[in-house]
Protein backbone atom coordinates (compact mmCIF):
# COMPACT_ATOMS: atom_id res chain seq x y z
CA MET A 1 0.00 0.00 0.00
CA ASP A 2 1.32 3.45 -0.82
CA LEU A 3 1.55 6.14 1.84
CA LYS A 4 -1.38 8.23 0.59
CA SER A 5 -3.71 5.23 0.71
CA PHE A 6 -2.39 4.22 4.13
CA VAL A 7 -3.09 7.67 5.58
CA ALA A 8 -6.59 7.64 4.12
CA ASP A 9 -7.45 4.33 5.79
CA SER A 10 -5.31 4.05 8.92
CA PHE A 11 -3.70 5.92 11.76
CA LEU A 12 -0.14 6.79 10.83
CA MET A 13 2.20 6.38 13.77
CA LEU A 14 5.40 8.42 13.58
CA ASP A 15 8.47 8.03 15.76
CA GLY A 16 9.63 10.02 18.80
CA GLY A 17 12.71 11.97 19.77
CA MET A 18 16.00 11.14 18.06
CA GLY A 19 18.58 13.40 19.75
CA THR A 20 18.02 12.14 23.29
CA MET A 21 18.12 8.54 22.12
CA LEU A 22 21.43 9.10 20.35
CA MET A 23 22.92 10.79 23.42
CA GLN A 24 21.86 7.82 25.54
CA ALA A 25 23.65 5.63 22.99
CA GLY A 26 26.87 7.58 23.48
CA MET A 27 26.73 10.55 21.12
CA PRO A 28 28.81 13.38 22.66
CA ALA A 29 26.91 16.50 23.71
CA GLY A 30 27.22 19.32 21.19
CA SER A 31 27.99 17.09 18.21
CA LEU A 32 25.92 16.98 15.05
CA PRO A 33 23.41 14.08 15.18
CA GLU A 34 23.36 13.97 11.38
CA LEU A 35 27.01 12.86 11.28
CA MET A 36 26.13 9.77 13.32
CA ASN A 37 24.66 8.43 10.07
CA LEU A 38 28.23 8.17 8.76
CA SER A 39 30.27 7.48 11.88
CA HIS A 40 27.86 5.12 13.67
CA PRO A 41 25.19 3.95 11.21
CA GLU A 42 24.36 0.94 13.35
CA VAL A 43 23.43 3.21 16.28
CA VAL A 44 21.07 5.32 14.15
CA THR A 45 19.44 2.24 12.66
CA ALA A 46 19.03 0.74 16.12
CA VAL A 47 17.13 3.84 17.30
CA HIS A 48 14.86 3.67 14.25
CA LYS A 49 14.25 -0.05 14.86
CA LYS A 50 13.30 0.54 18.49
CA TYR A 51 10.58 2.88 17.29
CA VAL A 52 9.43 0.41 14.64
CA ASP A 53 9.22 -2.30 17.30
CA ALA A 54 7.14 0.11 19.42
CA GLY A 55 4.59 0.57 16.63
CA THR A 56 5.96 3.30 14.37
CA ASP A 57 4.77 3.07 10.76
CA MET A 58 6.94 5.85 9.31
CA VAL A 59 10.40 6.67 10.63
CA ILE A 60 11.84 10.10 9.99
CA THR A 61 15.45 10.24 8.85
CA CYS A 62 18.16 11.70 11.10
CA THR A 63 18.60 14.70 8.78
CA PHE A 64 16.85 17.53 10.65
CA GLY A 65 19.83 19.87 10.25
CA ALA A 66 21.32 18.34 7.09
CA ASN A 67 21.52 21.56 5.10
CA GLU A 68 24.48 23.48 3.75
CA LYS A 69 24.16 26.29 6.31
CA LYS A 70 24.00 24.20 9.47
CA MET A 71 26.60 21.69 8.29
CA ALA A 72 29.07 24.11 6.71
CA GLY A 73 32.62 23.00 7.43
CA CYS A 74 31.65 19.55 8.71
CA GLY A 75 33.81 17.83 6.09
CA HIS A 76 30.96 16.00 4.37
CA GLU A 77 28.61 16.81 1.50
CA ILE A 78 24.90 17.08 2.23
CA GLU A 79 24.21 14.31 -0.28
CA GLU A 80 26.59 11.99 1.55
CA VAL A 81 24.79 12.53 4.86
CA ILE A 82 21.27 12.19 3.43
CA THR A 83 22.13 9.06 1.45
CA ALA A 84 23.49 7.37 4.57
CA ALA A 85 20.54 8.55 6.68
CA VAL A 86 17.95 7.13 4.28
CA ALA A 87 19.79 3.80 4.14
CA ASN A 88 19.92 3.67 7.96
CA ALA A 89 16.23 4.43 8.24
CA ARG A 90 15.29 1.89 5.60
CA ALA A 91 17.35 -0.78 7.39
CA SER A 92 15.00 -0.48 10.39
CA GLY A 93 12.25 -2.32 8.52
CA ALA A 94 9.74 0.54 8.76
CA LYS A 95 6.78 0.55 6.40
CA PHE A 96 7.66 4.08 5.28
CA VAL A 97 10.64 6.43 5.46
CA ALA A 98 10.29 10.22 5.38
CA LEU A 99 13.07 12.71 4.67
CA ASP A 100 13.30 15.00 7.69
CA ILE A 101 13.91 18.69 6.93
CA GLY A 102 14.14 21.31 9.64
CA PRO A 103 14.64 25.08 9.49
CA ILE A 104 17.70 26.33 7.62
CA GLY A 105 18.96 28.19 10.67
CA GLN A 106 18.95 31.66 9.13
CA LEU A 107 16.01 34.05 8.91
CA LEU A 108 14.53 34.90 5.54
CA MET A 109 14.05 38.46 4.34
CA PRO A 110 12.64 40.78 5.59
CA SER A 111 13.32 39.40 9.10
CA GLY A 112 16.82 38.29 8.09
CA THR A 113 19.23 38.28 5.17
CA LEU A 114 18.46 34.96 3.44
CA SER A 115 16.53 35.42 0.19
CA PHE A 116 13.55 33.28 -0.74
CA GLU A 117 15.39 31.84 -3.75
CA GLU A 118 18.42 30.91 -1.61
CA ALA A 119 16.09 29.08 0.77
CA TYR A 120 14.36 27.35 -2.13
CA ASP A 121 17.71 26.15 -3.52
CA ILE A 122 18.85 24.84 -0.12
CA PHE A 123 15.66 22.83 0.30
CA ALA A 124 15.74 21.66 -3.32
CA ARG A 125 19.19 20.20 -2.82
CA GLN A 126 18.03 18.19 0.20
CA ILE A 127 14.82 17.03 -1.47
CA ARG A 128 16.51 16.09 -4.74
CA CYS A 129 18.85 13.78 -2.85
CA GLY A 130 16.10 12.31 -0.68
CA VAL A 131 13.95 11.54 -3.70
CA SER A 132 16.88 9.88 -5.49
CA CYS A 133 17.37 7.69 -2.39
CA GLY A 134 13.74 6.53 -2.53
CA VAL A 135 12.06 8.16 0.46
CA ASP A 136 8.28 7.86 0.73
CA ALA A 137 7.54 11.41 1.92
CA ILE A 138 9.03 14.81 2.62
CA TYR A 139 8.63 15.80 6.29
CA LEU A 140 9.07 19.49 7.19
CA GLU A 141 9.09 20.05 10.94
CA THR A 142 9.71 22.51 13.77
CA MET A 143 9.15 25.45 11.44
CA SER A 144 8.45 28.99 12.68
CA ASP A 145 8.54 31.03 9.45
CA LEU A 146 5.63 30.46 7.05
CA LEU A 147 7.62 31.86 4.12
CA GLU A 148 10.42 29.37 4.81
CA VAL A 149 7.92 26.50 4.83
CA LYS A 150 6.51 27.81 1.55
CA ALA A 151 9.98 27.69 -0.05
CA ALA A 152 10.37 24.08 1.05
CA VAL A 153 6.90 23.03 -0.11
CA LEU A 154 7.41 24.61 -3.54
CA ALA A 155 10.77 22.87 -3.89
CA ALA A 156 9.15 19.55 -3.02
CA LYS A 157 6.24 20.09 -5.40
CA ASP A 158 8.59 21.07 -8.22
CA LEU A 159 10.86 18.06 -7.77
CA CYS A 160 8.56 15.17 -6.92
CA SER A 161 5.02 13.94 -6.40
CA LEU A 162 5.65 12.56 -2.91
CA PRO A 163 3.37 13.48 0.00
CA VAL A 164 4.58 16.56 1.86
CA PHE A 165 3.94 16.78 5.61
CA ALA A 166 4.48 20.07 7.43
CA THR A 167 4.44 20.84 11.14
CA LEU A 168 5.09 24.19 12.79
CA THR A 169 6.14 24.75 16.37
CA TYR A 170 4.04 27.12 18.49
CA GLU A 171 4.65 28.94 21.73
CA SER A 172 2.07 29.08 24.53
CA SER A 173 0.73 32.31 22.95
CA GLY A 174 -0.64 30.23 20.08
CA ARG A 175 1.84 31.69 17.60
CA THR A 176 5.24 30.61 16.37
CA PHE A 177 8.39 32.52 17.29
CA LEU A 178 7.84 34.66 14.17
CA GLY A 179 4.16 35.26 14.86
CA VAL A 180 2.50 32.67 12.59
CA SER A 181 -0.92 31.54 13.78
CA PRO A 182 -2.34 28.06 13.11
CA GLU A 183 -5.00 29.70 10.93
CA CYS A 184 -2.42 31.37 8.68
CA ALA A 185 -0.41 28.16 8.46
CA ALA A 186 -3.43 26.05 7.53
CA ARG A 187 -4.76 28.51 4.95
CA THR A 188 -1.42 28.87 3.22
CA LEU A 189 -0.09 25.33 3.33
CA GLN A 190 -3.35 23.69 2.36
CA GLY A 191 -3.46 26.02 -0.65
CA LEU A 192 0.07 24.98 -1.58
CA GLY A 193 -1.02 21.34 -1.59
CA VAL A 194 0.61 19.72 1.44
CA SER A 195 -0.74 16.27 2.28
CA ALA A 196 -0.93 16.80 6.04
CA ILE A 197 -0.37 19.66 8.46
CA GLY A 198 0.20 19.81 12.16
CA ILE A 199 2.10 20.81 15.29
CA ASN A 200 5.31 19.56 16.83
CA CYS A 201 7.79 20.40 19.59
CA SER A 202 7.89 23.35 22.07
CA LEU A 203 4.99 22.20 24.26
CA GLY A 204 3.44 19.09 25.73
CA PRO A 205 0.13 17.55 24.60
CA LYS A 206 -1.86 19.46 27.24
CA GLU A 207 -0.45 22.85 26.28
CA ILE A 208 -0.80 22.22 22.53
CA LEU A 209 -4.47 21.22 22.77
CA PRO A 210 -5.96 24.77 22.50
CA ILE A 211 -3.76 25.46 19.46
CA ALA A 212 -4.79 22.14 17.95
CA ARG A 213 -8.47 23.12 18.31
CA ARG A 214 -7.82 26.27 16.30
CA LEU A 215 -5.99 24.31 13.61
CA ALA A 216 -8.76 21.72 13.38
CA ALA A 217 -11.37 24.46 12.87
CA VAL A 218 -9.79 25.64 9.61
CA THR A 219 -8.15 22.52 8.15
CA SER A 220 -9.60 20.11 5.60
CA ILE A 221 -6.64 17.73 5.31
CA PRO A 222 -5.12 15.10 7.64
CA MET A 223 -3.58 16.53 10.81
CA ILE A 224 -0.37 15.65 12.66
CA ILE A 225 0.37 15.94 16.38
CA LYS A 226 3.92 15.38 17.66
CA PRO A 227 4.25 17.00 21.12
CA ASN A 228 7.11 17.04 23.56
CA ALA A 229 6.95 14.85 26.67
CA GLY A 230 5.45 17.73 28.61
CA LEU A 231 7.43 20.77 29.74
CA PRO A 232 11.14 20.50 30.54
CA ASP A 233 12.64 21.08 33.99
CA MET A 234 16.11 22.58 33.47
CA SER A 235 17.10 22.82 37.16
CA SER A 236 19.59 19.96 36.84
CA GLY A 237 21.27 21.51 33.81
CA THR A 238 19.68 19.08 31.37
CA ALA A 239 16.07 18.87 30.24
CA VAL A 240 13.91 16.53 32.33
CA TYR A 241 10.37 16.24 30.97
CA ASP A 242 7.43 16.06 33.29
CA ILE A 243 4.93 13.51 31.95
CA THR A 244 5.05 9.74 31.66
CA PRO A 245 4.26 7.68 28.56
CA ALA A 246 0.84 6.88 30.04
CA ASP A 247 0.08 10.55 30.70
CA PHE A 248 1.25 11.42 27.20
CA ALA A 249 -0.97 8.79 25.58
CA ALA A 250 -3.99 9.85 27.64
CA TYR A 251 -4.34 12.89 25.37
CA ALA A 252 -4.52 10.79 22.20
CA LYS A 253 -8.31 10.46 22.31
CA GLU A 254 -8.74 14.22 22.72
CA TYR A 255 -6.74 14.80 19.56
CA LEU A 256 -8.62 11.99 17.89
CA ALA A 257 -11.89 13.78 18.66
CA LEU A 258 -10.53 16.87 16.89
CA GLY A 259 -9.80 14.82 13.77
CA PHE A 260 -6.08 14.14 14.17
CA SER A 261 -4.97 10.87 12.60
CA ILE A 262 -1.14 11.13 12.50
CA PHE A 263 0.61 10.76 15.86
CA GLY A 264 4.17 10.85 17.15
CA GLY A 265 6.41 12.43 19.76
CA CYS A 266 9.13 15.06 19.84
CA CYS A 267 11.64 16.15 22.50
CA GLY A 268 11.77 13.91 25.56
CA THR A 269 9.78 11.07 24.04
CA ASN A 270 11.15 7.57 23.44
CA PRO A 271 9.74 4.24 22.21
CA ASP A 272 7.69 3.81 25.39
CA TYR A 273 5.70 6.93 24.52
CA ILE A 274 5.03 5.70 20.98
CA ARG A 275 4.00 2.27 22.28
CA SER A 276 1.56 3.90 24.71
CA VAL A 277 -0.05 6.06 22.03
CA ARG A 278 -0.34 3.10 19.69
CA SER A 279 -2.12 1.18 22.45
CA ALA A 280 -4.46 4.11 23.16
CA LEU A 281 -5.52 4.21 19.49
CA GLU A 282 -6.18 0.49 19.30
CA GLY A 283 -9.76 -0.15 18.12
CA GLN A 284 -10.49 3.53 17.49
CA THR A 285 -12.01 4.74 14.23
CA VAL A 286 -9.75 6.73 11.94
CA PRO A 287 -11.27 10.22 11.51
CA GLN A 288 -11.80 11.45 7.97
CA PRO A 289 -10.95 15.08 7.15
CA GLU A 290 -14.00 17.32 7.08
CA ALA A 291 -14.29 19.65 4.09
CA LYS A 292 -14.61 23.27 5.17
CA ARG A 293 -15.67 26.18 3.01
CA ILE A 294 -13.55 29.03 4.25
CA CYS A 295 -13.41 32.49 2.70
CA ALA A 296 -10.27 34.04 4.15
CA LEU A 297 -6.99 35.66 3.19
CA CYS A 298 -3.84 35.94 5.24
CA SER A 299 -0.38 37.35 5.44
CA GLY A 300 2.29 35.48 7.35
CA THR A 301 0.76 36.66 10.63
CA ARG A 302 -2.70 38.19 9.97
CA TYR A 303 -5.79 36.12 9.11
CA VAL A 304 -8.83 37.94 7.69
CA ASN A 305 -12.23 36.33 7.16
CA LEU A 306 -13.88 38.03 4.19
CA SER A 307 -17.39 39.40 4.62
CA ASP A 308 -19.58 42.24 3.42
CA GLU A 309 -17.91 44.42 6.03
CA THR A 310 -14.28 43.73 5.05
CA VAL A 311 -12.48 47.01 4.38
CA PHE A 312 -10.33 47.09 1.24
CA GLY A 313 -7.71 49.80 0.74
CA ALA A 314 -7.73 50.58 -2.99
CA ARG A 315 -5.33 53.48 -3.40
CA VAL A 316 -2.28 51.48 -4.51
CA SER A 317 -3.43 51.74 -8.13
CA PRO A 318 -2.31 54.29 -10.72
CA SER A 319 -5.77 54.47 -12.33
CA ASP A 320 -7.12 56.36 -9.33
CA ASN A 321 -3.96 57.97 -8.02
CA GLU A 322 -1.97 60.45 -10.09
CA ASP A 323 0.78 60.70 -7.46
CA LEU A 324 1.26 56.94 -7.56
CA ALA A 325 1.49 57.01 -11.36
CA ASP A 326 4.38 59.46 -11.06
CA ALA A 327 6.02 57.26 -8.41
CA LEU A 328 5.71 54.16 -10.61
CA ALA A 329 7.34 55.97 -13.51
CA GLU A 330 10.29 56.66 -11.20
CA GLU A 331 10.23 53.15 -9.63
CA ASP A 332 9.64 54.81 -6.26
CA VAL A 333 8.80 51.86 -4.01
CA GLU A 334 8.81 54.01 -0.89
CA THR A 335 5.71 55.89 -2.05
CA ILE A 336 3.92 52.59 -2.73
CA VAL A 337 4.74 51.34 0.76
CA ASP A 338 3.69 54.66 2.33
CA LEU A 339 0.28 54.39 0.64
CA ALA A 340 -0.18 50.88 1.99
CA MET A 341 0.80 51.98 5.51
CA GLU A 342 -1.59 54.97 5.39
CA GLN A 343 -4.51 52.72 4.48
CA ALA A 344 -3.54 50.22 7.18
CA ASP A 345 -3.55 53.05 9.72
CA GLU A 346 -6.99 54.13 8.45
CA GLY A 347 -8.47 50.68 9.14
CA ALA A 348 -8.05 48.79 5.86
CA GLU A 349 -7.97 45.01 6.30
CA ILE A 350 -6.88 44.11 2.76
CA ILE A 351 -4.60 46.21 0.53
CA TYR A 352 -5.37 46.18 -3.20
CA VAL A 353 -2.20 46.45 -5.32
CA ASN A 354 -2.10 47.23 -9.05
CA LEU A 355 1.16 48.60 -10.42
CA GLY A 356 0.46 48.03 -14.10
CA MET A 357 1.32 51.03 -16.25
CA PRO A 358 3.00 51.53 -19.64
CA ASP A 359 6.82 51.64 -19.51
CA VAL A 360 6.90 50.20 -15.96
CA GLU A 361 8.93 47.02 -15.50
CA GLU A 362 6.19 45.39 -13.47
CA ALA A 363 7.94 42.02 -13.20
CA VAL A 364 10.59 43.73 -11.07
CA LEU A 365 8.50 46.38 -9.34
CA LEU A 366 5.56 44.26 -8.17
CA PRO A 367 7.55 41.58 -6.25
CA THR A 368 9.77 44.30 -4.80
CA ALA A 369 6.73 46.22 -3.59
CA VAL A 370 5.18 43.05 -2.12
CA ARG A 371 8.34 42.25 -0.15
CA GLU A 372 8.68 45.83 1.10
CA MET A 373 5.00 46.11 2.07
CA GLN A 374 5.07 42.80 3.92
CA GLY A 375 8.12 44.03 5.79
CA VAL A 376 6.16 46.88 7.42
CA ILE A 377 2.47 45.89 7.45
CA ASP A 378 0.89 42.55 8.28
CA LEU A 379 -2.26 42.90 6.15
CA PRO A 380 -3.11 40.46 3.33
CA LEU A 381 -2.85 41.80 -0.22
CA GLN A 382 -5.02 41.65 -3.33
CA LEU A 383 -2.79 41.51 -6.41
CA ASP A 384 -3.98 42.70 -9.82
CA SER A 385 -1.66 42.20 -12.76
CA ARG A 386 -2.07 41.11 -16.38
CA ASP A 387 1.66 40.40 -16.63
CA PRO A 388 2.28 36.66 -15.97
CA ALA A 389 5.94 37.20 -15.03
CA ALA A 390 5.04 39.96 -12.59
CA LEU A 391 2.21 37.96 -11.02
CA GLU A 392 4.34 34.85 -10.57
CA ALA A 393 7.27 36.79 -9.10
CA ALA A 394 4.96 38.51 -6.62
CA LEU A 395 3.11 35.33 -5.61
CA ARG A 396 6.37 33.47 -5.19
CA CYS A 397 7.66 35.84 -2.52
CA TYR A 398 4.25 36.56 -0.94
CA ASN A 399 4.00 35.32 2.63
CA GLY A 400 0.51 33.89 3.19
CA THR A 401 -2.60 33.52 1.02
CA PRO A 402 -3.36 36.52 -1.22
CA LEU A 403 -6.29 37.35 -3.46
CA VAL A 404 -5.58 37.53 -7.21
CA SER A 405 -7.76 39.54 -9.58
CA LEU A 406 -8.66 37.69 -12.81
CA SER A 407 -11.15 37.96 -15.61
CA THR A 408 -13.02 35.19 -17.40
CA ASP A 409 -11.38 35.85 -20.77
CA PRO A 410 -9.34 32.97 -22.27
CA ASP A 411 -5.92 34.54 -21.69
CA SER A 412 -6.64 35.05 -18.00
CA LEU A 413 -7.97 31.51 -17.54
CA THR A 414 -5.18 29.77 -19.44
CA VAL A 415 -2.21 31.89 -18.34
CA LEU A 416 -2.90 33.70 -15.05
CA LEU A 417 -5.20 31.19 -13.32
CA PRO A 418 -2.63 28.34 -13.31
CA ILE A 419 -0.10 30.69 -11.71
CA ALA A 420 -2.55 31.66 -8.98
CA ALA A 421 -3.41 27.99 -8.40
CA ARG A 422 0.21 26.92 -8.11
CA TYR A 423 0.84 29.41 -5.31
CA GLY A 424 -2.34 28.63 -3.37
CA ALA A 425 -4.01 32.02 -3.87
CA MET A 426 -7.70 32.82 -3.84
CA VAL A 427 -8.95 34.37 -7.05
CA THR A 428 -11.67 36.90 -7.82
CA ALA A 429 -13.36 37.68 -11.12
CA ALA A 430 -16.40 39.51 -12.45
CA PRO A 431 -18.42 37.83 -15.21
CA ALA A 432 -17.97 39.53 -18.57
CA ASP A 433 -21.71 39.14 -19.15
CA SER A 434 -23.70 39.75 -15.96
CA ALA A 435 -26.82 38.44 -17.69
CA ASP A 436 -25.22 35.02 -17.84
CA SER A 437 -22.97 35.08 -14.79
CA LEU A 438 -23.71 31.44 -13.94
CA ALA A 439 -22.20 30.24 -17.23
CA GLU A 440 -19.21 32.55 -16.70
CA THR A 441 -18.75 31.18 -13.20
CA GLU A 442 -18.98 27.59 -14.40
CA LYS A 443 -16.29 28.35 -16.97
CA LEU A 444 -14.00 29.67 -14.24
CA VAL A 445 -14.76 26.74 -11.92
CA SER A 446 -13.95 24.26 -14.70
CA ALA A 447 -10.68 25.99 -15.57
CA ALA A 448 -9.75 26.16 -11.88
CA ALA A 449 -10.49 22.46 -11.37
CA ALA A 450 -8.11 21.64 -14.22
CA CYS A 451 -5.41 23.50 -12.25
CA GLY A 452 -6.23 21.72 -8.99
CA MET A 453 -7.97 24.74 -7.44
CA PRO A 454 -11.20 23.97 -5.54
CA PRO A 455 -14.23 26.24 -6.09
CA GLU A 456 -14.04 27.36 -2.47
CA ARG A 457 -11.03 29.48 -3.46
CA ILE A 458 -13.01 31.37 -6.10
CA LEU A 459 -14.77 34.67 -5.41
CA MET A 460 -17.23 36.14 -7.93
CA GLU A 461 -18.07 39.83 -8.20
CA ASN A 462 -21.25 41.54 -9.38
CA ILE A 463 -23.52 38.50 -9.31
CA PRO A 464 -27.21 39.42 -9.79
CA GLU A 465 -29.46 38.49 -6.87
CA ASN A 466 -31.42 35.96 -8.91
CA GLN A 467 -28.22 34.04 -9.78
CA LYS A 468 -26.56 33.97 -6.35
CA SER A 469 -28.06 30.68 -5.22
CA PRO A 470 -26.82 28.59 -8.16
CA VAL A 471 -23.40 30.24 -7.93
CA LEU A 472 -23.15 29.30 -4.27
CA SER A 473 -24.19 25.76 -5.07
CA LEU A 474 -20.97 25.44 -7.08
CA GLY A 475 -19.00 26.04 -3.90
CA VAL A 476 -17.94 29.49 -5.12
CA GLN A 477 -17.77 32.32 -2.61
CA LEU A 478 -19.41 35.66 -3.35
CA TYR A 479 -17.17 38.67 -3.27
CA PRO A 480 -17.71 40.75 -0.10
CA SER A 481 -18.85 43.77 -2.09
CA CYS A 482 -21.84 41.87 -3.48
């Protein structure tokens, strides 16, 4: 059975902590666990096998930090480490092996200095090697930056058709270190096509539960829970976790009730924890993901449900702003950003952005403006561009789920719509013929389906009252201004 079919029909049991197990097996403190794949392959395989014996279905390779930034100067190529790690994991006899990928270790722009394309290339190198070694899935974990996860997901989608699992790590505030909420993560990553989404590390199962409830409310795909063994006590100088395997497993049914079907453990857990969870799930029914029609946009940190009362800021458009037209002619990004900030201060919840104008190099200006705006305001954006290169460049670096303006003409449906679909955007369009808006909507829905975009991500403008009901029956959302 392949992994996708297995997840659809069964609980998927992951493994637990790797670092602690390796230290117990003699790995010196402060050394790189990934290098144990080369120096002591039998030790790594033995840890994997202990988890398999405890009930793990899919082991995760010992490659969490196997990227060129974290392993610079280690004396080994990334491909050498990953190849050994996959072989060690496969030798455990697990049903499935997933390539583990953690954060790069450097912040992406605008928070740091690492560019999106540099991050994409780093992840692509890891994924390319993992795929060539025959892994069954790509597993992204302990992520805090939604844009960094996006780079990894796009690399995976471009290089293979394997399932992609993604888990972020949240603080007790309900946000990651960089402010990402579970709602923003779910909206963005589901749009990008991950196979499962969830939460790992930082907190124990009790502390994660409120965050898990929020995730479950907005997710329509399988969910993963991989908590720590409670909260660590550092008084002895090393982390001592505060709950037993039985206490840990006692929360399994609460997560099951929320719809979680993929279970594992993170820091402080060992095979006893996995065995206890496996036992707690015995005889339980595997929950099936519940489809949810959600009409929302987000940035990396701000989630906005669209309604008739949503406030759109529409001044970042040269058609209605002579000053902006002059700024565009001079490639004055600062003026564009100032306009966005003014509207945010005035209460706008979404910023409409259209920089199309003759003699403007929109393919350069639009992504630059998106990056700069997202560096100073946290509002979602609506992007309007007829230039495919400009639209793709802007969507590629956009952090979150934006709204993309389309039309129902053939060029828009065959060129712009696939770009919007690839990057998980929502799209909005007005029917060219309002007298037959249902047929226009059906045309858009059909074109979107061919690109893998569900109708729930489509908004229609200017729908006559007598045609709203059939439009809604297609699963299409009505634009808030209707």
